[in-house]
Amino acid sequence: MLFAALTNHHPEKLERLIVSVNNQFFKMENLECVVICNTLDEEYPKVAKALATKYGWKFKQTESNGKPGKGKNSVFDYFLNETDQDSLFMMDGDDILYPTAFGQLNQITVRVPKLDVLGLQTNDCIDNEYFEEV
């Protein structure tokens, strides 16, 4: 699975997301994590790359037009053209996962093994009983 964090600002929130993924109770096999930086800010990619490197994630800077659609499309392009992963989990860089999210996602995908698309609403994959703010 490719886990892509799409970011264009807020390094403190990006770090919070990265830590929340790295601290999952359930460890996904073959998990590839990447920060996709899609911003008009010329300085932010340096900060985002440093955070990705600090936590052992890959980094990709993409061309931005200042609109979220182009950023999301760049994640799909990366997934399709630069990885050999068979599934994609994309989140915005200012979001967060609770520690049980990957375990719950795994339970869903085990029950429906040939799943093509899974859309989750916020409360479908989180459990705040164990969450502590970074």
Protein backbone atom coordinates (compact mmCIF):
# COMPACT_ATOMS: atom_id res chain seq x y z
CA MET A 1 0.00 0.00 0.00
CA LEU A 2 1.13 3.52 -0.81
CA PHE A 3 0.32 6.03 1.91
CA ALA A 4 0.50 9.54 0.46
CA ALA A 5 0.37 12.69 2.52
CA LEU A 6 -0.54 15.62 0.27
CA THR A 7 0.69 18.90 1.70
CA ASN A 8 1.04 22.55 0.71
CA HIS A 9 1.59 24.27 4.08
CA HIS A 10 1.50 23.74 7.88
CA PRO A 11 4.64 21.74 8.67
CA GLU A 12 3.51 21.14 12.26
CA LYS A 13 0.35 19.43 11.01
CA LEU A 14 2.29 17.42 8.43
CA GLU A 15 4.58 16.16 11.18
CA ARG A 16 1.53 15.26 13.29
CA LEU A 17 0.17 13.17 10.38
CA ILE A 18 3.50 11.43 9.75
CA VAL A 19 3.85 10.53 13.43
CA SER A 20 0.26 9.24 13.51
CA VAL A 21 1.01 6.91 10.57
CA ASN A 22 4.33 5.74 11.99
CA ASN A 23 2.69 5.00 15.37
CA GLN A 24 -0.09 2.74 14.10
CA PHE A 25 -0.79 -0.26 16.35
CA PHE A 26 -1.27 -2.49 13.27
CA LYS A 27 1.75 -2.52 10.97
CA MET A 28 0.84 -2.80 7.28
CA GLU A 29 3.01 -5.10 5.16
CA ASN A 30 4.81 -3.43 2.23
CA LEU A 31 3.75 0.05 3.34
CA GLU A 32 5.41 2.78 1.29
CA CYS A 33 4.99 6.30 2.69
CA VAL A 34 5.51 9.48 0.70
CA VAL A 35 5.00 13.18 1.25
CA ILE A 36 3.68 14.81 -1.92
CA CYS A 37 4.35 18.54 -1.73
CA ASN A 38 2.15 20.62 -4.01
CA THR A 39 2.54 24.28 -3.14
CA LEU A 40 3.19 27.71 -4.58
CA ASP A 41 5.37 28.56 -1.55
CA GLU A 42 9.00 28.29 -2.68
CA GLU A 43 10.35 27.63 0.84
CA TYR A 44 7.86 25.04 2.09
CA PRO A 45 9.18 22.08 0.03
CA LYS A 46 12.51 22.30 1.90
CA VAL A 47 10.70 22.00 5.23
CA ALA A 48 8.41 19.20 4.01
CA LYS A 49 11.36 17.25 2.57
CA ALA A 50 13.25 17.57 5.85
CA LEU A 51 10.24 16.16 7.73
CA ALA A 52 9.85 13.28 5.28
CA THR A 53 13.55 12.44 5.60
CA LYS A 54 13.47 12.72 9.40
CA TYR A 55 10.79 10.03 9.59
CA GLY A 56 12.05 7.76 6.81
CA TRP A 57 9.44 8.74 4.22
CA LYS A 58 9.94 9.43 0.53
CA PHE A 59 9.40 12.95 -0.82
CA LYS A 60 8.05 14.24 -4.12
CA GLN A 61 7.55 17.86 -5.10
CA THR A 62 4.96 18.44 -7.82
CA GLU A 63 3.92 21.42 -9.90
CA SER A 64 1.14 23.45 -8.32
CA ASN A 65 -1.46 25.83 -9.69
CA GLY A 66 -2.70 26.71 -6.19
CA LYS A 67 -5.79 24.50 -6.50
CA PRO A 68 -6.36 21.24 -4.56
CA GLY A 69 -7.42 19.25 -7.64
CA LYS A 70 -4.00 19.45 -9.25
CA GLY A 71 -2.40 18.26 -6.01
CA LYS A 72 -4.71 15.25 -5.73
CA ASN A 73 -4.09 14.40 -9.39
CA SER A 74 -0.35 14.53 -8.73
CA VAL A 75 -0.78 11.87 -6.04
CA PHE A 76 -2.58 9.61 -8.51
CA ASP A 77 0.14 10.23 -11.10
CA TYR A 78 2.81 9.29 -8.56
CA PHE A 79 0.90 6.16 -7.56
CA LEU A 80 0.35 5.01 -11.14
CA ASN A 81 3.75 5.93 -12.62
CA GLU A 82 6.34 5.83 -9.84
CA THR A 83 5.38 2.90 -7.61
CA ASP A 84 4.52 -0.76 -7.96
CA GLN A 85 1.97 -0.61 -5.14
CA ASP A 86 -1.50 -2.06 -5.68
CA SER A 87 -3.45 0.25 -3.36
CA LEU A 88 -3.40 3.90 -2.37
CA PHE A 89 -4.37 5.60 0.87
CA MET A 90 -4.25 9.39 0.44
CA MET A 91 -4.72 11.98 3.15
CA ASP A 92 -4.26 15.72 3.30
CA GLY A 93 -1.22 16.81 5.26
CA ASP A 94 -3.32 18.54 7.91
CA ASP A 95 -5.32 15.38 8.74
CA ILE A 96 -4.49 12.70 11.28
CA LEU A 97 -5.01 8.98 11.86
CA TYR A 98 -5.81 7.48 15.22
CA PRO A 99 -3.61 4.54 16.27
CA THR A 100 -6.26 1.90 15.41
CA ALA A 101 -6.95 3.14 11.86
CA PHE A 102 -4.74 0.68 9.95
CA GLY A 103 -6.09 -2.25 11.97
CA GLN A 104 -9.63 -1.27 11.11
CA LEU A 105 -8.72 -0.73 7.47
CA ASN A 106 -7.10 -4.18 7.39
CA GLN A 107 -10.28 -5.76 8.80
CA ILE A 108 -12.32 -4.14 6.03
CA THR A 109 -10.00 -5.25 3.24
CA VAL A 110 -9.78 -8.82 4.59
CA ARG A 111 -13.59 -9.11 4.52
CA VAL A 112 -13.79 -7.71 0.98
CA PRO A 113 -10.55 -8.92 -0.69
CA LYS A 114 -11.28 -7.68 -4.23
CA LEU A 115 -12.27 -4.19 -3.19
CA ASP A 116 -11.85 -1.62 -5.98
CA VAL A 117 -12.61 1.59 -4.09
CA LEU A 118 -13.16 2.34 -0.43
CA GLY A 119 -14.26 5.78 0.70
CA LEU A 120 -14.08 6.48 4.40
CA GLN A 121 -15.77 9.19 6.37
CA THR A 122 -13.92 10.51 9.39
CA ASN A 123 -15.51 8.32 12.03
CA ASP A 124 -15.32 5.12 9.96
CA CYS A 125 -11.64 4.53 10.70
CA ILE A 126 -10.76 6.25 13.96
CA ASP A 127 -10.95 5.53 17.66
CA ASN A 128 -10.06 8.44 19.94
CA GLU A 129 -9.89 6.29 23.07
CA TYR A 130 -6.16 5.72 22.47
CA PHE A 131 -5.21 8.98 20.80
CA GLU A 132 -2.82 11.50 22.31
CA GLU A 133 -2.06 14.79 20.55
CA VAL A 134 1.51 15.11 19.27
